[in-house]
Amino acid sequence: MKILEFIFTNISLRTYTITASIIFTLLYYFIFIFLIKFYSESENENNHNRKKSVHIIIKFFVGLFALLAGIVTQGVIAEIYIFRDWECSLRSACI
């Protein structure tokens, strides 16, 4: 928690939002592409000359999904950490 506190007290919310969205998007993109390549390898290795690549349409839709997942992830982290209510407990009714 000390690392998150240091990050959120020293950078602006806009900078955090943009940076975290990019980092999480890239992270999700590379994880999804790796999983697609890993599970799409055929057990029949007769086609040695064929490149192991992912089609451009698949990359596009994985990129869109990764962008959406990155934005949601940074939003959830911001909601949990930045916008939490520091002084109110769950039982009290304060704004």
N, C-alpha and C. Protein backbone atom coordinates (compact mmCIF):
# COMPACT_ATOMS: atom_id res chain seq x y z
N MET A 1 0.81 -1.19 0.00
CA MET A 1 0.00 0.00 0.00
C MET A 1 0.86 1.26 0.00
N LYS A 2 2.06 1.18 0.48
CA LYS A 2 2.93 2.35 0.50
C LYS A 2 3.26 2.79 -0.93
N ILE A 3 3.42 1.82 -1.84
CA ILE A 3 3.72 2.17 -3.23
C ILE A 3 2.54 2.89 -3.86
N LEU A 4 1.33 2.37 -3.65
CA LEU A 4 0.13 3.03 -4.19
C LEU A 4 -0.05 4.42 -3.60
N GLU A 5 0.19 4.55 -2.31
CA GLU A 5 0.06 5.86 -1.67
C GLU A 5 1.07 6.85 -2.26
N PHE A 6 2.31 6.40 -2.49
CA PHE A 6 3.33 7.25 -3.09
C PHE A 6 2.93 7.67 -4.50
N ILE A 7 2.40 6.71 -5.28
CA ILE A 7 2.00 7.02 -6.66
C ILE A 7 0.85 8.02 -6.67
N PHE A 8 -0.17 7.77 -5.87
CA PHE A 8 -1.36 8.60 -5.93
C PHE A 8 -1.18 9.97 -5.29
N THR A 9 -0.19 10.14 -4.45
CA THR A 9 0.03 11.46 -3.86
C THR A 9 0.99 12.31 -4.68
N ASN A 10 1.74 11.71 -5.60
CA ASN A 10 2.74 12.46 -6.35
C ASN A 10 2.40 12.69 -7.82
N ILE A 11 1.36 12.08 -8.33
CA ILE A 11 0.96 12.32 -9.73
C ILE A 11 -0.50 12.73 -9.76
N SER A 12 -0.88 13.39 -10.84
CA SER A 12 -2.27 13.83 -10.98
C SER A 12 -3.16 12.67 -11.41
N LEU A 13 -4.45 12.86 -11.24
CA LEU A 13 -5.41 11.83 -11.61
C LEU A 13 -5.41 11.61 -13.12
N ARG A 14 -5.26 12.67 -13.90
CA ARG A 14 -5.22 12.54 -15.36
C ARG A 14 -4.01 11.73 -15.81
N THR A 15 -2.85 12.02 -15.22
CA THR A 15 -1.64 11.28 -15.56
C THR A 15 -1.78 9.81 -15.19
N TYR A 16 -2.33 9.53 -14.01
CA TYR A 16 -2.56 8.16 -13.60
C TYR A 16 -3.49 7.45 -14.56
N THR A 17 -4.59 8.11 -14.93
CA THR A 17 -5.58 7.48 -15.79
C THR A 17 -4.99 7.10 -17.14
N ILE A 18 -4.27 8.00 -17.76
CA ILE A 18 -3.69 7.72 -19.07
C ILE A 18 -2.61 6.66 -18.97
N THR A 19 -1.70 6.81 -18.02
CA THR A 19 -0.59 5.87 -17.89
C THR A 19 -1.08 4.47 -17.52
N ALA A 20 -1.96 4.38 -16.56
CA ALA A 20 -2.46 3.07 -16.13
C ALA A 20 -3.27 2.40 -17.23
N SER A 21 -4.04 3.17 -17.99
CA SER A 21 -4.80 2.59 -19.10
C SER A 21 -3.86 2.00 -20.15
N ILE A 22 -2.80 2.71 -20.48
CA ILE A 22 -1.84 2.21 -21.47
C ILE A 22 -1.13 0.96 -20.96
N ILE A 23 -0.68 1.00 -19.71
CA ILE A 23 0.05 -0.14 -19.15
C ILE A 23 -0.84 -1.38 -19.08
N PHE A 24 -2.05 -1.23 -18.55
CA PHE A 24 -2.95 -2.38 -18.45
C PHE A 24 -3.38 -2.88 -19.82
N THR A 25 -3.59 -1.98 -20.78
CA THR A 25 -3.96 -2.40 -22.13
C THR A 25 -2.86 -3.24 -22.75
N LEU A 26 -1.62 -2.77 -22.66
CA LEU A 26 -0.51 -3.54 -23.22
C LEU A 26 -0.34 -4.88 -22.50
N LEU A 27 -0.50 -4.88 -21.21
CA LEU A 27 -0.38 -6.12 -20.45
C LEU A 27 -1.44 -7.13 -20.88
N TYR A 28 -2.69 -6.70 -20.95
CA TYR A 28 -3.75 -7.59 -21.38
C TYR A 28 -3.55 -8.05 -22.83
N TYR A 29 -3.12 -7.14 -23.70
CA TYR A 29 -2.92 -7.48 -25.10
C TYR A 29 -1.89 -8.60 -25.25
N PHE A 30 -0.74 -8.42 -24.61
CA PHE A 30 0.30 -9.44 -24.74
C PHE A 30 -0.09 -10.76 -24.09
N ILE A 31 -0.81 -10.73 -23.01
CA ILE A 31 -1.28 -11.96 -22.37
C ILE A 31 -2.26 -12.69 -23.28
N PHE A 32 -3.23 -11.95 -23.86
CA PHE A 32 -4.22 -12.60 -24.72
C PHE A 32 -3.59 -13.15 -26.00
N ILE A 33 -2.68 -12.40 -26.61
CA ILE A 33 -2.02 -12.88 -27.82
C ILE A 33 -1.18 -14.12 -27.51
N PHE A 34 -0.49 -14.12 -26.36
CA PHE A 34 0.29 -15.29 -25.97
C PHE A 34 -0.62 -16.50 -25.79
N LEU A 35 -1.75 -16.32 -25.12
CA LEU A 35 -2.67 -17.43 -24.91
C LEU A 35 -3.25 -17.94 -26.22
N ILE A 36 -3.56 -17.04 -27.14
CA ILE A 36 -4.07 -17.47 -28.44
C ILE A 36 -3.02 -18.27 -29.19
N LYS A 37 -1.79 -17.79 -29.22
CA LYS A 37 -0.72 -18.52 -29.90
C LYS A 37 -0.43 -19.85 -29.21
N PHE A 38 -0.47 -19.87 -27.90
CA PHE A 38 -0.16 -21.09 -27.15
C PHE A 38 -1.20 -22.17 -27.41
N TYR A 39 -2.49 -21.80 -27.37
CA TYR A 39 -3.54 -22.79 -27.55
C TYR A 39 -3.86 -23.08 -29.01
N SER A 40 -3.37 -22.27 -29.94
CA SER A 40 -3.68 -22.53 -31.34
C SER A 40 -2.60 -23.37 -32.03
N GLU A 41 -1.53 -23.70 -31.34
CA GLU A 41 -0.51 -24.56 -31.94
C GLU A 41 -1.09 -25.94 -32.14
N SER A 42 -0.94 -26.42 -33.36
CA SER A 42 -1.48 -27.75 -33.65
C SER A 42 -0.48 -28.81 -33.22
N GLU A 43 -1.02 -29.95 -32.85
CA GLU A 43 -0.16 -31.04 -32.44
C GLU A 43 0.47 -31.71 -33.66
N ASN A 44 -0.13 -31.51 -34.80
CA ASN A 44 0.42 -32.07 -36.02
C ASN A 44 1.41 -31.06 -36.61
N GLU A 45 2.69 -31.35 -36.51
CA GLU A 45 3.73 -30.42 -36.93
C GLU A 45 4.20 -30.70 -38.35
N ASN A 46 3.30 -31.06 -39.26
CA ASN A 46 3.68 -31.33 -40.64
C ASN A 46 3.98 -30.04 -41.41
N ASN A 47 3.41 -28.96 -41.02
CA ASN A 47 3.59 -27.69 -41.71
C ASN A 47 4.70 -26.88 -41.02
N HIS A 48 5.93 -27.28 -41.24
CA HIS A 48 7.05 -26.57 -40.60
C HIS A 48 7.30 -25.21 -41.24
N ASN A 49 6.93 -25.03 -42.50
CA ASN A 49 7.19 -23.79 -43.20
C ASN A 49 6.17 -22.71 -42.86
N ARG A 50 5.09 -23.08 -42.28
CA ARG A 50 4.02 -22.13 -41.97
C ARG A 50 4.40 -21.28 -40.76
N LYS A 51 4.22 -19.97 -40.88
CA LYS A 51 4.53 -19.07 -39.78
C LYS A 51 3.49 -19.21 -38.67
N LYS A 52 3.95 -19.07 -37.45
CA LYS A 52 3.04 -19.09 -36.30
C LYS A 52 2.66 -17.66 -35.98
N SER A 53 1.64 -17.15 -36.65
CA SER A 53 1.22 -15.78 -36.43
C SER A 53 -0.29 -15.74 -36.23
N VAL A 54 -0.73 -14.63 -35.72
CA VAL A 54 -2.15 -14.41 -35.47
C VAL A 54 -2.68 -13.47 -36.55
N HIS A 55 -3.85 -13.77 -37.05
CA HIS A 55 -4.45 -12.97 -38.11
C HIS A 55 -4.69 -11.54 -37.63
N ILE A 56 -4.61 -10.58 -38.55
CA ILE A 56 -4.73 -9.16 -38.21
C ILE A 56 -6.10 -8.81 -37.63
N ILE A 57 -7.15 -9.49 -38.06
CA ILE A 57 -8.49 -9.22 -37.52
C ILE A 57 -8.56 -9.67 -36.06
N ILE A 58 -7.95 -10.80 -35.77
CA ILE A 58 -7.91 -11.27 -34.38
C ILE A 58 -7.12 -10.29 -33.52
N LYS A 59 -6.00 -9.79 -34.04
CA LYS A 59 -5.21 -8.82 -33.29
C LYS A 59 -6.00 -7.54 -33.02
N PHE A 60 -6.79 -7.12 -34.02
CA PHE A 60 -7.59 -5.91 -33.87
C PHE A 60 -8.63 -6.08 -32.75
N PHE A 61 -9.37 -7.20 -32.77
CA PHE A 61 -10.40 -7.40 -31.76
C PHE A 61 -9.80 -7.68 -30.38
N VAL A 62 -8.66 -8.35 -30.33
CA VAL A 62 -7.98 -8.53 -29.05
C VAL A 62 -7.51 -7.17 -28.53
N GLY A 63 -7.03 -6.30 -29.42
CA GLY A 63 -6.63 -4.96 -29.03
C GLY A 63 -7.79 -4.14 -28.47
N LEU A 64 -8.95 -4.23 -29.12
CA LEU A 64 -10.13 -3.52 -28.61
C LEU A 64 -10.55 -4.06 -27.24
N PHE A 65 -10.54 -5.39 -27.12
CA PHE A 65 -10.91 -5.98 -25.84
C PHE A 65 -9.90 -5.62 -24.76
N ALA A 66 -8.61 -5.61 -25.10
CA ALA A 66 -7.57 -5.25 -24.14
C ALA A 66 -7.70 -3.79 -23.72
N LEU A 67 -8.06 -2.91 -24.67
CA LEU A 67 -8.27 -1.50 -24.34
C LEU A 67 -9.42 -1.34 -23.36
N LEU A 68 -10.52 -2.02 -23.62
CA LEU A 68 -11.67 -1.97 -22.72
C LEU A 68 -11.31 -2.53 -21.35
N ALA A 69 -10.61 -3.66 -21.32
CA ALA A 69 -10.22 -4.27 -20.05
C ALA A 69 -9.23 -3.38 -19.29
N GLY A 70 -8.32 -2.71 -20.01
CA GLY A 70 -7.37 -1.81 -19.36
C GLY A 70 -8.05 -0.61 -18.74
N ILE A 71 -9.02 -0.04 -19.45
CA ILE A 71 -9.76 1.10 -18.91
C ILE A 71 -10.57 0.70 -17.69
N VAL A 72 -11.21 -0.46 -17.75
CA VAL A 72 -11.99 -0.93 -16.60
C VAL A 72 -11.07 -1.20 -15.41
N THR A 73 -9.92 -1.81 -15.66
CA THR A 73 -9.00 -2.13 -14.57
C THR A 73 -8.48 -0.88 -13.88
N GLN A 74 -8.04 0.11 -14.66
CA GLN A 74 -7.55 1.33 -14.02
C GLN A 74 -8.68 2.05 -13.30
N GLY A 75 -9.89 1.97 -13.81
CA GLY A 75 -11.03 2.58 -13.13
C GLY A 75 -11.35 1.90 -11.82
N VAL A 76 -11.26 0.58 -11.80
CA VAL A 76 -11.53 -0.16 -10.57
C VAL A 76 -10.47 0.16 -9.52
N ILE A 77 -9.20 0.21 -9.93
CA ILE A 77 -8.14 0.54 -8.98
C ILE A 77 -8.32 1.96 -8.45
N ALA A 78 -8.66 2.89 -9.33
CA ALA A 78 -8.89 4.27 -8.88
C ALA A 78 -10.09 4.34 -7.94
N GLU A 79 -11.13 3.61 -8.24
CA GLU A 79 -12.32 3.61 -7.39
C GLU A 79 -12.02 3.02 -6.02
N ILE A 80 -11.25 1.95 -6.01
CA ILE A 80 -10.93 1.31 -4.74
C ILE A 80 -9.99 2.17 -3.91
N TYR A 81 -9.00 2.76 -4.54
CA TYR A 81 -7.98 3.46 -3.76
C TYR A 81 -8.21 4.97 -3.65
N ILE A 82 -8.40 5.65 -4.78
CA ILE A 82 -8.48 7.11 -4.75
C ILE A 82 -9.80 7.60 -4.19
N PHE A 83 -10.90 7.03 -4.64
CA PHE A 83 -12.21 7.57 -4.30
C PHE A 83 -12.84 6.92 -3.08
N ARG A 84 -12.06 6.16 -2.33
CA ARG A 84 -12.64 5.55 -1.14
C ARG A 84 -12.85 6.62 -0.07
N ASP A 85 -13.76 6.36 0.81
CA ASP A 85 -14.08 7.31 1.85
C ASP A 85 -13.20 7.03 3.05
N TRP A 86 -12.33 7.96 3.38
CA TRP A 86 -11.33 7.74 4.41
C TRP A 86 -11.90 7.80 5.82
N GLU A 87 -12.95 8.58 6.02
CA GLU A 87 -13.40 8.82 7.38
C GLU A 87 -14.66 8.07 7.77
N CYS A 88 -15.36 7.52 6.84
CA CYS A 88 -16.63 6.88 7.14
C CYS A 88 -16.46 5.37 7.17
N SER A 89 -17.05 4.74 8.15
CA SER A 89 -17.06 3.28 8.18
C SER A 89 -18.25 2.79 7.38
N LEU A 90 -18.37 1.49 7.24
CA LEU A 90 -19.49 0.94 6.47
C LEU A 90 -20.82 1.11 7.18
N ARG A 91 -20.80 1.22 8.50
CA ARG A 91 -22.04 1.33 9.25
C ARG A 91 -22.57 2.76 9.35
N SER A 92 -21.73 3.74 9.22
CA SER A 92 -22.20 5.12 9.35
C SER A 92 -22.78 5.62 8.03
N ALA A 93 -23.57 6.63 8.11
CA ALA A 93 -24.23 7.18 6.94
C ALA A 93 -23.73 8.59 6.68
N CYS A 94 -22.47 8.74 6.30
CA CYS A 94 -21.96 10.08 6.00
C CYS A 94 -21.67 10.19 4.51
N ILE A 95 -21.62 11.39 4.03
CA ILE A 95 -21.44 11.63 2.60
C ILE A 95 -20.00 11.90 2.29
